[in-house]
């Protein structure tokens, strides 16, 4: 587990903010951005990319609520902090943890201990893939066209998050890692109680297979703007569009027991670090939340948000493939 240094804001931030706004305003007047939103987005990109890295108790703008569609009229509330990035294998900036902290906990990353999550060379199951919101799906396109059973949802496993789980499962198995993939439909016909039903299933697997070290609850994000458009968490890696991935870490702040949540956070940051080295731009900031999300079952339990409802399934499958490779790098 590597240690991370906290990056500080430069002191003349306010002065630079004023200059940046004046500069982009002048450019906007010549029609480069075309709207006041373009001016603000450009200013934010110029300032944040140079001065602010969201760690500790600060928040990077991401939009996950683990299945429920969030409505917003400002893309900056939900989009990746640094916008739509393009990276190649040779473009590897230094890793700095990016965390959206939606709790009241103040984080000391320097004091964070290693998660201790690793796998053994064994035929026993090491990884469990599940889906609390199994019917979550993506935007249909020519390659993956389907009829929605509900808004951005389908019971067809070829087009919902089960297909994404299948891709992760196959890559892990190809690497010699034993995986169990549970495809139980937990959010239909009743969405309420999905996490409780999922917990019962996870506990049954862990009781039967104590060798399981990693529990991945694969979802997709959902953010809908006021105009009805859907947020797509996208980046371009090696010339191909990929859905970005966000890891959601639960805590005990919501009142349910989960004293060791910092181990889950350490595991998430390990994966984020590995992905940043291999595929810069793939990961959105880790989202620390008050709810527990069943992650008390193991230090290796995480919610994995692959893309959002605005992404296509093709983008999600590619993002899941890259995530799986980063995960394998972490578990070595």
C-alpha atoms as a PDB file:
ATOM      1  CA  UNK A   1       0.000   0.000   0.000  1.00  0.00           C
ATOM      2  CA  UNK A   2       1.665   3.172  -1.106  1.00  0.00           C
ATOM      3  CA  UNK A   3       1.555   6.442   0.819  1.00  0.00           C
ATOM      4  CA  UNK A   4       0.020   9.516  -0.766  1.00  0.00           C
ATOM      5  CA  UNK A   5       0.972  13.128  -0.291  1.00  0.00           C
ATOM      6  CA  UNK A   6      -1.763  15.691  -0.079  1.00  0.00           C
ATOM      7  CA  UNK A   7      -1.535  18.409  -2.734  1.00  0.00           C
ATOM      8  CA  UNK A   8      -2.150  21.951  -1.495  1.00  0.00           C
ATOM      9  CA  UNK A   9      -3.832  24.880  -3.189  1.00  0.00           C
ATOM     10  CA  UNK A  10      -1.526  27.591  -4.455  1.00  0.00           C
ATOM     11  CA  UNK A  11      -2.006  30.821  -2.525  1.00  0.00           C
ATOM     12  CA  UNK A  12      -2.850  33.163  -5.386  1.00  0.00           C
ATOM     13  CA  UNK A  13      -5.896  31.094  -6.293  1.00  0.00           C
ATOM     14  CA  UNK A  14      -8.405  33.961  -6.060  1.00  0.00           C
ATOM     15  CA  UNK A  15      -6.332  36.222  -8.264  1.00  0.00           C
ATOM     16  CA  UNK A  16      -5.943  33.492 -10.827  1.00  0.00           C
ATOM     17  CA  UNK A  17      -9.679  32.862 -10.685  1.00  0.00           C
ATOM     18  CA  UNK A  18     -10.435  36.449 -11.628  1.00  0.00           C
ATOM     19  CA  UNK A  19      -7.904  36.430 -14.438  1.00  0.00           C
ATOM     20  CA  UNK A  20      -9.211  33.125 -15.724  1.00  0.00           C
ATOM     21  CA  UNK A  21     -12.809  34.320 -15.789  1.00  0.00           C
ATOM     22  CA  UNK A  22     -11.815  37.513 -17.616  1.00  0.00           C
ATOM     23  CA  UNK A  23      -9.779  35.538 -20.122  1.00  0.00           C
ATOM     24  CA  UNK A  24     -12.411  32.971 -20.936  1.00  0.00           C
ATOM     25  CA  UNK A  25     -15.038  35.713 -21.048  1.00  0.00           C
ATOM     26  CA  UNK A  26     -13.056  37.483 -23.712  1.00  0.00           C
ATOM     27  CA  UNK A  27     -12.684  34.298 -25.706  1.00  0.00           C
ATOM     28  CA  UNK A  28     -16.365  33.544 -25.315  1.00  0.00           C
ATOM     29  CA  UNK A  29     -17.198  36.943 -26.721  1.00  0.00           C
ATOM     30  CA  UNK A  30     -15.568  35.808 -29.934  1.00  0.00           C
ATOM     31  CA  UNK A  31     -17.815  32.764 -30.039  1.00  0.00           C
ATOM     32  CA  UNK A  32     -15.417  30.014 -29.030  1.00  0.00           C
ATOM     33  CA  UNK A  33     -17.584  28.653 -26.242  1.00  0.00           C
ATOM     34  CA  UNK A  34     -20.971  29.808 -27.464  1.00  0.00           C
ATOM     35  CA  UNK A  35     -22.714  30.089 -24.087  1.00  0.00           C
ATOM     36  CA  UNK A  36     -22.236  31.201 -20.502  1.00  0.00           C
ATOM     37  CA  UNK A  37     -22.035  27.506 -19.512  1.00  0.00           C
ATOM     38  CA  UNK A  38     -19.077  27.150 -21.817  1.00  0.00           C
ATOM     39  CA  UNK A  39     -17.387  30.095 -20.142  1.00  0.00           C
ATOM     40  CA  UNK A  40     -17.890  28.639 -16.675  1.00  0.00           C
ATOM     41  CA  UNK A  41     -16.840  25.149 -17.717  1.00  0.00           C
ATOM     42  CA  UNK A  42     -13.674  26.491 -19.303  1.00  0.00           C
ATOM     43  CA  UNK A  43     -12.827  28.527 -16.210  1.00  0.00           C
ATOM     44  CA  UNK A  44     -13.418  25.541 -13.950  1.00  0.00           C
ATOM     45  CA  UNK A  45     -11.291  23.293 -16.121  1.00  0.00           C
ATOM     46  CA  UNK A  46      -8.401  25.785 -16.181  1.00  0.00           C
ATOM     47  CA  UNK A  47      -8.458  26.392 -12.448  1.00  0.00           C
ATOM     48  CA  UNK A  48      -9.235  22.954 -11.082  1.00  0.00           C
ATOM     49  CA  UNK A  49      -6.838  21.092 -13.296  1.00  0.00           C
ATOM     50  CA  UNK A  50      -4.003  23.289 -12.052  1.00  0.00           C
ATOM     51  CA  UNK A  51      -4.822  24.131  -8.465  1.00  0.00           C
ATOM     52  CA  UNK A  52      -7.179  21.687  -6.794  1.00  0.00           C
ATOM     53  CA  UNK A  53      -7.065  17.976  -6.256  1.00  0.00           C
ATOM     54  CA  UNK A  54     -10.080  16.875  -4.258  1.00  0.00           C
ATOM     55  CA  UNK A  55      -8.989  14.776  -1.321  1.00  0.00           C
ATOM     56  CA  UNK A  56      -9.738  14.654   2.366  1.00  0.00           C
ATOM     57  CA  UNK A  57     -13.147  16.184   3.166  1.00  0.00           C
ATOM     58  CA  UNK A  58     -13.512  17.992  -0.151  1.00  0.00           C
ATOM     59  CA  UNK A  59     -15.697  16.764  -2.995  1.00  0.00           C
ATOM     60  CA  UNK A  60     -15.051  16.120  -6.654  1.00  0.00           C
ATOM     61  CA  UNK A  61     -18.188  16.483  -8.777  1.00  0.00           C
ATOM     62  CA  UNK A  62     -19.527  13.025  -9.402  1.00  0.00           C
ATOM     63  CA  UNK A  63     -23.161  11.983  -9.501  1.00  0.00           C
ATOM     64  CA  UNK A  64     -23.534   8.478  -8.168  1.00  0.00           C
ATOM     65  CA  UNK A  65     -26.344   7.522  -5.892  1.00  0.00           C
ATOM     66  CA  UNK A  66     -25.935   3.794  -6.526  1.00  0.00           C
ATOM     67  CA  UNK A  67     -28.886   3.208  -8.741  1.00  0.00           C
ATOM     68  CA  UNK A  68     -31.380   6.010  -8.245  1.00  0.00           C
ATOM     69  CA  UNK A  69     -31.371   8.574 -11.052  1.00  0.00           C
ATOM     70  CA  UNK A  70     -30.227  11.970  -9.850  1.00  0.00           C
ATOM     71  CA  UNK A  71     -31.567  15.031 -11.659  1.00  0.00           C
ATOM     72  CA  UNK A  72     -29.434  18.077 -12.221  1.00  0.00           C
ATOM     73  CA  UNK A  73     -29.303  21.028 -14.593  1.00  0.00           C
ATOM     74  CA  UNK A  74     -25.537  21.500 -14.282  1.00  0.00           C
ATOM     75  CA  UNK A  75     -23.227  18.939 -15.888  1.00  0.00           C
ATOM     76  CA  UNK A  76     -20.420  19.953 -13.514  1.00  0.00           C
ATOM     77  CA  UNK A  77     -22.387  18.419 -10.645  1.00  0.00           C
ATOM     78  CA  UNK A  78     -21.985  14.961 -12.074  1.00  0.00           C
ATOM     79  CA  UNK A  79     -19.409  14.879 -14.815  1.00  0.00           C
ATOM     80  CA  UNK A  80     -15.827  13.783 -14.334  1.00  0.00           C
ATOM     81  CA  UNK A  81     -13.882  16.584 -12.647  1.00  0.00           C
ATOM     82  CA  UNK A  82     -11.453  16.967 -15.521  1.00  0.00           C
ATOM     83  CA  UNK A  83     -14.015  16.566 -18.300  1.00  0.00           C
ATOM     84  CA  UNK A  84     -13.736  14.119 -21.176  1.00  0.00           C
ATOM     85  CA  UNK A  85     -10.075  13.126 -21.255  1.00  0.00           C
ATOM     86  CA  UNK A  86      -8.019  11.448 -23.955  1.00  0.00           C
ATOM     87  CA  UNK A  87      -5.100   9.278 -22.891  1.00  0.00           C
ATOM     88  CA  UNK A  88      -2.686   6.811 -24.441  1.00  0.00           C
ATOM     89  CA  UNK A  89      -0.616   4.088 -22.844  1.00  0.00           C
ATOM     90  CA  UNK A  90       2.405   6.429 -22.735  1.00  0.00           C
ATOM     91  CA  UNK A  91       0.491   9.239 -20.997  1.00  0.00           C
ATOM     92  CA  UNK A  92       0.943   8.435 -17.298  1.00  0.00           C
ATOM     93  CA  UNK A  93       0.770  11.437 -14.958  1.00  0.00           C
ATOM     94  CA  UNK A  94       1.702  10.968 -11.277  1.00  0.00           C
ATOM     95  CA  UNK A  95      -1.020   9.370  -9.180  1.00  0.00           C
ATOM     96  CA  UNK A  96      -2.863  11.530  -6.690  1.00  0.00           C
ATOM     97  CA  UNK A  97      -5.901  10.053  -4.887  1.00  0.00           C
ATOM     98  CA  UNK A  98      -9.185  11.614  -5.927  1.00  0.00           C
ATOM     99  CA  UNK A  99     -11.977  11.196  -3.414  1.00  0.00           C
ATOM    100  CA  UNK A 100     -15.443  12.622  -3.220  1.00  0.00           C
ATOM    101  CA  UNK A 101     -16.142  12.537   0.490  1.00  0.00           C
ATOM    102  CA  UNK A 102     -19.895  12.656   1.120  1.00  0.00           C
ATOM    103  CA  UNK A 103     -19.455  11.921   4.824  1.00  0.00           C
ATOM    104  CA  UNK A 104     -18.452  14.037   7.809  1.00  0.00           C
ATOM    105  CA  UNK A 105     -15.277  11.967   8.321  1.00  0.00           C
ATOM    106  CA  UNK A 106     -11.983  13.792   7.952  1.00  0.00           C
ATOM    107  CA  UNK A 107      -9.567  11.523   6.133  1.00  0.00           C
ATOM    108  CA  UNK A 108      -5.880  11.172   6.887  1.00  0.00           C
ATOM    109  CA  UNK A 109      -4.576   9.283   3.878  1.00  0.00           C
ATOM    110  CA  UNK A 110      -1.043   9.206   5.297  1.00  0.00           C
ATOM    111  CA  UNK A 111      -2.323   7.166   8.233  1.00  0.00           C
ATOM    112  CA  UNK A 112      -4.418   4.827   6.091  1.00  0.00           C
ATOM    113  CA  UNK A 113      -3.242   1.236   6.485  1.00  0.00           C
ATOM    114  CA  UNK A 114      -3.062  -1.328   3.697  1.00  0.00           C
ATOM    115  CA  UNK A 115      -6.295  -3.153   2.983  1.00  0.00           C
ATOM    116  CA  UNK A 116      -4.633  -6.567   3.127  1.00  0.00           C
ATOM    117  CA  UNK A 117      -6.806  -7.767   0.238  1.00  0.00           C
ATOM    118  CA  UNK A 118      -5.016 -10.369  -1.857  1.00  0.00           C
ATOM    119  CA  UNK A 119      -5.818 -13.657  -3.541  1.00  0.00           C
ATOM    120  CA  UNK A 120      -4.209 -17.065  -3.239  1.00  0.00           C
ATOM    121  CA  UNK A 121      -3.177 -19.524  -5.916  1.00  0.00           C
ATOM    122  CA  UNK A 122      -6.146 -21.768  -5.361  1.00  0.00           C
ATOM    123  CA  UNK A 123      -9.024 -23.365  -7.225  1.00  0.00           C
ATOM    124  CA  UNK A 124     -11.350 -22.192  -4.479  1.00  0.00           C
ATOM    125  CA  UNK A 125     -13.484 -19.126  -5.359  1.00  0.00           C
ATOM    126  CA  UNK A 126     -11.628 -15.871  -4.704  1.00  0.00           C
ATOM    127  CA  UNK A 127     -13.964 -13.286  -6.238  1.00  0.00           C
ATOM    128  CA  UNK A 128     -17.741 -12.908  -5.992  1.00  0.00           C
ATOM    129  CA  UNK A 129     -19.529 -10.687  -8.545  1.00  0.00           C
ATOM    130  CA  UNK A 130     -23.075  -9.610  -7.699  1.00  0.00           C
ATOM    131  CA  UNK A 131     -25.648  -7.042  -8.810  1.00  0.00           C
ATOM    132  CA  UNK A 132     -27.915  -5.362  -6.279  1.00  0.00           C
ATOM    133  CA  UNK A 133     -29.666  -3.486  -9.104  1.00  0.00           C
ATOM    134  CA  UNK A 134     -29.531  -6.212 -11.705  1.00  0.00           C
ATOM    135  CA  UNK A 135     -31.806  -4.637 -14.325  1.00  0.00           C
ATOM    136  CA  UNK A 136     -29.755  -1.448 -14.741  1.00  0.00           C
ATOM    137  CA  UNK A 137     -28.955  -0.958 -18.421  1.00  0.00           C
ATOM    138  CA  UNK A 138     -27.408   1.499 -20.856  1.00  0.00           C
ATOM    139  CA  UNK A 139     -28.410   3.669 -23.810  1.00  0.00           C
ATOM    140  CA  UNK A 140     -29.322   1.441 -26.786  1.00  0.00           C
ATOM    141  CA  UNK A 141     -27.401   1.924 -30.020  1.00  0.00           C
ATOM    142  CA  UNK A 142     -27.044   0.108 -33.340  1.00  0.00           C
ATOM    143  CA  UNK A 143     -24.637  -2.453 -31.923  1.00  0.00           C
ATOM    144  CA  UNK A 144     -26.606  -3.155 -28.730  1.00  0.00           C
ATOM    145  CA  UNK A 145     -30.275  -2.473 -29.401  1.00  0.00           C
ATOM    146  CA  UNK A 146     -32.915  -3.618 -26.955  1.00  0.00           C
ATOM    147  CA  UNK A 147     -36.432  -2.764 -25.789  1.00  0.00           C
ATOM    148  CA  UNK A 148     -36.410  -1.188 -22.338  1.00  0.00           C
ATOM    149  CA  UNK A 149     -38.659  -2.749 -19.702  1.00  0.00           C
ATOM    150  CA  UNK A 150     -38.432   0.522 -17.752  1.00  0.00           C
ATOM    151  CA  UNK A 151     -36.405   3.717 -17.997  1.00  0.00           C
ATOM    152  CA  UNK A 152     -32.838   2.584 -18.695  1.00  0.00           C
ATOM    153  CA  UNK A 153     -33.603  -0.893 -17.395  1.00  0.00           C
ATOM    154  CA  UNK A 154     -34.122  -4.321 -18.889  1.00  0.00           C
ATOM    155  CA  UNK A 155     -34.523  -7.855 -17.573  1.00  0.00           C
ATOM    156  CA  UNK A 156     -32.520  -9.138 -20.536  1.00  0.00           C
ATOM    157  CA  UNK A 157     -29.115 -10.175 -19.181  1.00  0.00           C
ATOM    158  CA  UNK A 158     -27.511  -9.599 -22.573  1.00  0.00           C
ATOM    159  CA  UNK A 159     -28.022  -5.847 -22.208  1.00  0.00           C
ATOM    160  CA  UNK A 160     -28.021  -4.975 -18.485  1.00  0.00           C
ATOM    161  CA  UNK A 161     -25.193  -4.874 -15.933  1.00  0.00           C
ATOM    162  CA  UNK A 162     -25.040  -8.673 -15.898  1.00  0.00           C
ATOM    163  CA  UNK A 163     -23.353  -8.435 -19.315  1.00  0.00           C
ATOM    164  CA  UNK A 164     -20.758  -6.123 -17.766  1.00  0.00           C
ATOM    165  CA  UNK A 165     -20.267  -8.594 -14.925  1.00  0.00           C
ATOM    166  CA  UNK A 166     -19.805 -11.365 -17.489  1.00  0.00           C
ATOM    167  CA  UNK A 167     -16.948  -9.423 -19.088  1.00  0.00           C
ATOM    168  CA  UNK A 168     -15.176  -8.934 -15.743  1.00  0.00           C
ATOM    169  CA  UNK A 169     -15.776 -12.579 -14.828  1.00  0.00           C
ATOM    170  CA  UNK A 170     -14.302 -13.878 -18.068  1.00  0.00           C
ATOM    171  CA  UNK A 171     -11.159 -11.761 -17.838  1.00  0.00           C
ATOM    172  CA  UNK A 172     -10.524 -12.826 -14.245  1.00  0.00           C
ATOM    173  CA  UNK A 173     -11.046 -16.476 -15.114  1.00  0.00           C
ATOM    174  CA  UNK A 174      -8.711 -16.154 -18.092  1.00  0.00           C
ATOM    175  CA  UNK A 175      -6.087 -14.958 -15.594  1.00  0.00           C
ATOM    176  CA  UNK A 176      -6.601 -18.080 -13.484  1.00  0.00           C
ATOM    177  CA  UNK A 177      -8.743 -16.453 -10.782  1.00  0.00           C
ATOM    178  CA  UNK A 178     -11.751 -18.477  -9.631  1.00  0.00           C
ATOM    179  CA  UNK A 179     -14.925 -16.388  -9.786  1.00  0.00           C
ATOM    180  CA  UNK A 180     -18.564 -16.822  -8.811  1.00  0.00           C
ATOM    181  CA  UNK A 181     -21.007 -14.565 -10.649  1.00  0.00           C
ATOM    182  CA  UNK A 182     -24.456 -14.335  -9.085  1.00  0.00           C
ATOM    183  CA  UNK A 183     -27.099 -13.045 -11.513  1.00  0.00           C
ATOM    184  CA  UNK A 184     -30.115 -12.999  -9.204  1.00  0.00           C
ATOM    185  CA  UNK A 185     -32.636 -10.312 -10.133  1.00  0.00           C
ATOM    186  CA  UNK A 186     -32.729  -8.291  -6.911  1.00  0.00           C
ATOM    187  CA  UNK A 187     -34.467  -5.087  -8.036  1.00  0.00           C
ATOM    188  CA  UNK A 188     -37.544  -6.557  -9.757  1.00  0.00           C
ATOM    189  CA  UNK A 189     -40.481  -6.620  -9.258  1.00  0.00           C
ATOM    190  CA  UNK A 190     -39.669  -4.594  -6.129  1.00  0.00           C
ATOM    191  CA  UNK A 191     -36.787  -2.114  -6.133  1.00  0.00           C
ATOM    192  CA  UNK A 192     -37.183  -1.484  -2.408  1.00  0.00           C
ATOM    193  CA  UNK A 193     -35.227  -3.948  -0.296  1.00  0.00           C
ATOM    194  CA  UNK A 194     -32.654  -4.739  -3.000  1.00  0.00           C
ATOM    195  CA  UNK A 195     -29.701  -4.366  -0.646  1.00  0.00           C
ATOM    196  CA  UNK A 196     -31.275  -6.549   2.026  1.00  0.00           C
ATOM    197  CA  UNK A 197     -31.940  -9.309  -0.489  1.00  0.00           C
ATOM    198  CA  UNK A 198     -28.424  -8.941  -1.838  1.00  0.00           C
ATOM    199  CA  UNK A 199     -26.908  -9.220   1.645  1.00  0.00           C
ATOM    200  CA  UNK A 200     -28.634 -12.549   2.252  1.00  0.00           C
ATOM    201  CA  UNK A 201     -27.192 -13.924  -0.975  1.00  0.00           C
ATOM    202  CA  UNK A 202     -23.677 -12.640  -0.252  1.00  0.00           C
ATOM    203  CA  UNK A 203     -23.700 -14.136   3.240  1.00  0.00           C
ATOM    204  CA  UNK A 204     -24.743 -17.530   1.855  1.00  0.00           C
ATOM    205  CA  UNK A 205     -21.825 -17.515  -0.576  1.00  0.00           C
ATOM    206  CA  UNK A 206     -19.327 -16.424   2.075  1.00  0.00           C
ATOM    207  CA  UNK A 207     -20.524 -19.148   4.428  1.00  0.00           C
ATOM    208  CA  UNK A 208     -20.095 -21.787   1.721  1.00  0.00           C
ATOM    209  CA  UNK A 209     -16.882 -20.355   0.292  1.00  0.00           C
ATOM    210  CA  UNK A 210     -14.814 -18.625   3.015  1.00  0.00           C
ATOM    211  CA  UNK A 211     -12.029 -18.365   0.427  1.00  0.00           C
ATOM    212  CA  UNK A 212     -13.809 -15.406  -1.218  1.00  0.00           C
ATOM    213  CA  UNK A 213     -11.716 -12.268  -0.728  1.00  0.00           C
ATOM    214  CA  UNK A 214     -13.284  -9.777  -3.135  1.00  0.00           C
ATOM    215  CA  UNK A 215     -16.972  -8.910  -3.526  1.00  0.00           C
ATOM    216  CA  UNK A 216     -17.771  -6.654  -6.492  1.00  0.00           C
ATOM    217  CA  UNK A 217     -21.297  -5.252  -6.636  1.00  0.00           C
ATOM    218  CA  UNK A 218     -21.451  -4.006 -10.232  1.00  0.00           C
ATOM    219  CA  UNK A 219     -23.851  -1.165 -11.054  1.00  0.00           C
ATOM    220  CA  UNK A 220     -24.088   1.696 -13.484  1.00  0.00           C
ATOM    221  CA  UNK A 221     -24.579   5.327 -12.501  1.00  0.00           C
ATOM    222  CA  UNK A 222     -27.656   7.400 -13.398  1.00  0.00           C
ATOM    223  CA  UNK A 223     -27.736  11.169 -13.747  1.00  0.00           C
ATOM    224  CA  UNK A 224     -30.472  12.891 -15.738  1.00  0.00           C
ATOM    225  CA  UNK A 225     -30.260  16.587 -16.593  1.00  0.00           C
ATOM    226  CA  UNK A 226     -33.256  18.905 -16.495  1.00  0.00           C
ATOM    227  CA  UNK A 227     -33.551  18.779 -20.279  1.00  0.00           C
ATOM    228  CA  UNK A 228     -33.969  14.995 -20.097  1.00  0.00           C
ATOM    229  CA  UNK A 229     -30.502  14.149 -21.422  1.00  0.00           C
ATOM    230  CA  UNK A 230     -28.474  11.483 -19.692  1.00  0.00           C
ATOM    231  CA  UNK A 231     -24.972  11.812 -18.328  1.00  0.00           C
ATOM    232  CA  UNK A 232     -22.378   9.584 -19.973  1.00  0.00           C
ATOM    233  CA  UNK A 233     -19.216   9.000 -17.943  1.00  0.00           C
ATOM    234  CA  UNK A 234     -16.798   8.619 -20.851  1.00  0.00           C
ATOM    235  CA  UNK A 235     -13.140   8.817 -21.690  1.00  0.00           C
ATOM    236  CA  UNK A 236     -11.034   7.785 -24.674  1.00  0.00           C
ATOM    237  CA  UNK A 237      -8.285   5.235 -24.114  1.00  0.00           C
ATOM    238  CA  UNK A 238      -6.095   3.968 -26.924  1.00  0.00           C
ATOM    239  CA  UNK A 239      -8.408   5.607 -29.440  1.00  0.00           C
ATOM    240  CA  UNK A 240     -11.559   3.882 -28.191  1.00  0.00           C
ATOM    241  CA  UNK A 241     -14.414   5.304 -26.121  1.00  0.00           C
ATOM    242  CA  UNK A 242     -14.698   3.718 -22.690  1.00  0.00           C
ATOM    243  CA  UNK A 243     -17.162   4.148 -19.854  1.00  0.00           C
ATOM    244  CA  UNK A 244     -15.415   5.518 -16.807  1.00  0.00           C
ATOM    245  CA  UNK A 245     -15.515   3.524 -13.592  1.00  0.00           C
ATOM    246  CA  UNK A 246     -16.237   4.801 -10.097  1.00  0.00           C
ATOM    247  CA  UNK A 247     -15.723   2.882  -6.868  1.00  0.00           C
ATOM    248  CA  UNK A 248     -18.225   3.615  -4.092  1.00  0.00           C
ATOM    249  CA  UNK A 249     -17.114   2.961  -0.516  1.00  0.00           C
ATOM    250  CA  UNK A 250     -19.600   2.728   2.340  1.00  0.00           C
ATOM    251  CA  UNK A 251     -19.062   3.645   5.987  1.00  0.00           C
ATOM    252  CA  UNK A 252     -20.841   3.320   9.335  1.00  0.00           C
ATOM    253  CA  UNK A 253     -21.989   6.949   9.392  1.00  0.00           C
ATOM    254  CA  UNK A 254     -25.506   5.869   8.461  1.00  0.00           C
ATOM    255  CA  UNK A 255     -25.830   3.920  11.720  1.00  0.00           C
ATOM    256  CA  UNK A 256     -25.178   0.337  10.557  1.00  0.00           C
ATOM    257  CA  UNK A 257     -22.110  -1.449  11.968  1.00  0.00           C
ATOM    258  CA  UNK A 258     -19.035  -1.209   9.738  1.00  0.00           C
ATOM    259  CA  UNK A 259     -16.004  -0.352  11.859  1.00  0.00           C
ATOM    260  CA  UNK A 260     -13.388  -1.394   9.303  1.00  0.00           C
ATOM    261  CA  UNK A 261     -14.586   0.673   6.350  1.00  0.00           C
ATOM    262  CA  UNK A 262     -11.157   2.297   6.006  1.00  0.00           C
ATOM    263  CA  UNK A 263      -9.841  -1.048   4.768  1.00  0.00           C
ATOM    264  CA  UNK A 264     -12.400  -0.958   1.968  1.00  0.00           C
ATOM    265  CA  UNK A 265     -11.309   2.586   1.178  1.00  0.00           C
ATOM    266  CA  UNK A 266      -7.659   1.495   1.074  1.00  0.00           C
ATOM    267  CA  UNK A 267      -8.582  -1.287  -1.351  1.00  0.00           C
ATOM    268  CA  UNK A 268     -10.467   1.154  -3.576  1.00  0.00           C
ATOM    269  CA  UNK A 269      -7.501   3.527  -3.639  1.00  0.00           C
ATOM    270  CA  UNK A 270      -5.164   0.671  -4.515  1.00  0.00           C
ATOM    271  CA  UNK A 271      -7.326  -0.147  -7.534  1.00  0.00           C
ATOM    272  CA  UNK A 272      -7.602   3.513  -8.498  1.00  0.00           C
ATOM    273  CA  UNK A 273      -3.811   3.810  -8.329  1.00  0.00           C
ATOM    274  CA  UNK A 274      -3.268   0.728 -10.508  1.00  0.00           C
ATOM    275  CA  UNK A 275      -5.825   1.934 -13.055  1.00  0.00           C
ATOM    276  CA  UNK A 276      -4.280   5.401 -13.133  1.00  0.00           C
ATOM    277  CA  UNK A 277      -0.907   3.875 -13.999  1.00  0.00           C
ATOM    278  CA  UNK A 278      -2.331   1.621 -16.705  1.00  0.00           C
ATOM    279  CA  UNK A 279      -5.220   3.666 -18.110  1.00  0.00           C
ATOM    280  CA  UNK A 280      -5.178   7.331 -17.045  1.00  0.00           C
ATOM    281  CA  UNK A 281      -8.658   8.812 -17.188  1.00  0.00           C
ATOM    282  CA  UNK A 282     -10.513   5.534 -16.642  1.00  0.00           C
ATOM    283  CA  UNK A 283     -11.392   6.123 -12.981  1.00  0.00           C
ATOM    284  CA  UNK A 284     -13.705   8.761 -11.595  1.00  0.00           C
ATOM    285  CA  UNK A 285     -13.035   9.907  -8.006  1.00  0.00           C
ATOM    286  CA  UNK A 286     -13.714   7.302  -5.319  1.00  0.00           C
ATOM    287  CA  UNK A 287     -17.044   8.174  -3.682  1.00  0.00           C
ATOM    288  CA  UNK A 288     -17.105   7.808   0.129  1.00  0.00           C
ATOM    289  CA  UNK A 289     -20.679   7.503   1.421  1.00  0.00           C
ATOM    290  CA  UNK A 290     -22.594   7.295   4.694  1.00  0.00           C
ATOM    291  CA  UNK A 291     -24.512   4.144   3.741  1.00  0.00           C
ATOM    292  CA  UNK A 292     -22.889   0.784   4.318  1.00  0.00           C
ATOM    293  CA  UNK A 293     -23.835  -0.901   1.010  1.00  0.00           C
ATOM    294  CA  UNK A 294     -23.199  -4.388   2.452  1.00  0.00           C
ATOM    295  CA  UNK A 295     -19.451  -3.750   2.441  1.00  0.00           C
ATOM    296  CA  UNK A 296     -19.021  -4.840   6.049  1.00  0.00           C
ATOM    297  CA  UNK A 297     -18.874  -8.426   4.763  1.00  0.00           C
ATOM    298  CA  UNK A 298     -15.263  -8.086   3.575  1.00  0.00           C
ATOM    299  CA  UNK A 299     -12.420  -5.537   3.285  1.00  0.00           C
ATOM    300  CA  UNK A 300     -12.512  -6.394  -0.433  1.00  0.00           C
ATOM    301  CA  UNK A 301     -16.174  -5.469  -0.910  1.00  0.00           C
ATOM    302  CA  UNK A 302     -16.872  -2.512  -3.196  1.00  0.00           C
ATOM    303  CA  UNK A 303     -19.572  -1.022  -5.390  1.00  0.00           C
ATOM    304  CA  UNK A 304     -18.277  -0.698  -8.946  1.00  0.00           C
ATOM    305  CA  UNK A 305     -20.179   1.859 -11.032  1.00  0.00           C
ATOM    306  CA  UNK A 306     -19.338   1.124 -14.674  1.00  0.00           C
ATOM    307  CA  UNK A 307     -20.424   4.105 -16.738  1.00  0.00           C
ATOM    308  CA  UNK A 308     -23.851   5.692 -16.507  1.00  0.00           C
ATOM    309  CA  UNK A 309     -27.213   5.392 -18.228  1.00  0.00           C
ATOM    310  CA  UNK A 310     -25.991   7.761 -20.945  1.00  0.00           C
ATOM    311  CA  UNK A 311     -23.219   5.371 -21.957  1.00  0.00           C
ATOM    312  CA  UNK A 312     -23.665   2.580 -24.472  1.00  0.00           C
ATOM    313  CA  UNK A 313     -23.172  -1.030 -23.489  1.00  0.00           C
ATOM    314  CA  UNK A 314     -20.159  -1.183 -25.797  1.00  0.00           C
ATOM    315  CA  UNK A 315     -18.494   1.609 -23.834  1.00  0.00           C
ATOM    316  CA  UNK A 316     -19.368  -0.123 -20.563  1.00  0.00           C
ATOM    317  CA  UNK A 317     -17.911  -3.439 -21.699  1.00  0.00           C
ATOM    318  CA  UNK A 318     -14.649  -1.773 -22.694  1.00  0.00           C
ATOM    319  CA  UNK A 319     -14.471   0.156 -19.415  1.00  0.00           C
ATOM    320  CA  UNK A 320     -15.153  -3.056 -17.490  1.00  0.00           C
ATOM    321  CA  UNK A 321     -12.364  -4.809 -19.386  1.00  0.00           C
ATOM    322  CA  UNK A 322      -9.851  -2.133 -18.452  1.00  0.00           C
ATOM    323  CA  UNK A 323     -11.063  -2.108 -14.846  1.00  0.00           C
ATOM    324  CA  UNK A 324     -10.643  -5.885 -14.604  1.00  0.00           C
ATOM    325  CA  UNK A 325      -7.045  -5.630 -15.803  1.00  0.00           C
ATOM    326  CA  UNK A 326      -6.306  -2.944 -13.206  1.00  0.00           C
ATOM    327  CA  UNK A 327      -7.945  -5.084 -10.510  1.00  0.00           C
ATOM    328  CA  UNK A 328      -5.789  -8.067 -11.433  1.00  0.00           C
ATOM    329  CA  UNK A 329      -2.723  -5.855 -11.161  1.00  0.00           C
ATOM    330  CA  UNK A 330      -3.837  -4.862  -7.653  1.00  0.00           C
ATOM    331  CA  UNK A 331      -4.414  -8.434  -6.480  1.00  0.00           C
ATOM    332  CA  UNK A 332      -1.041  -9.804  -7.619  1.00  0.00           C
END
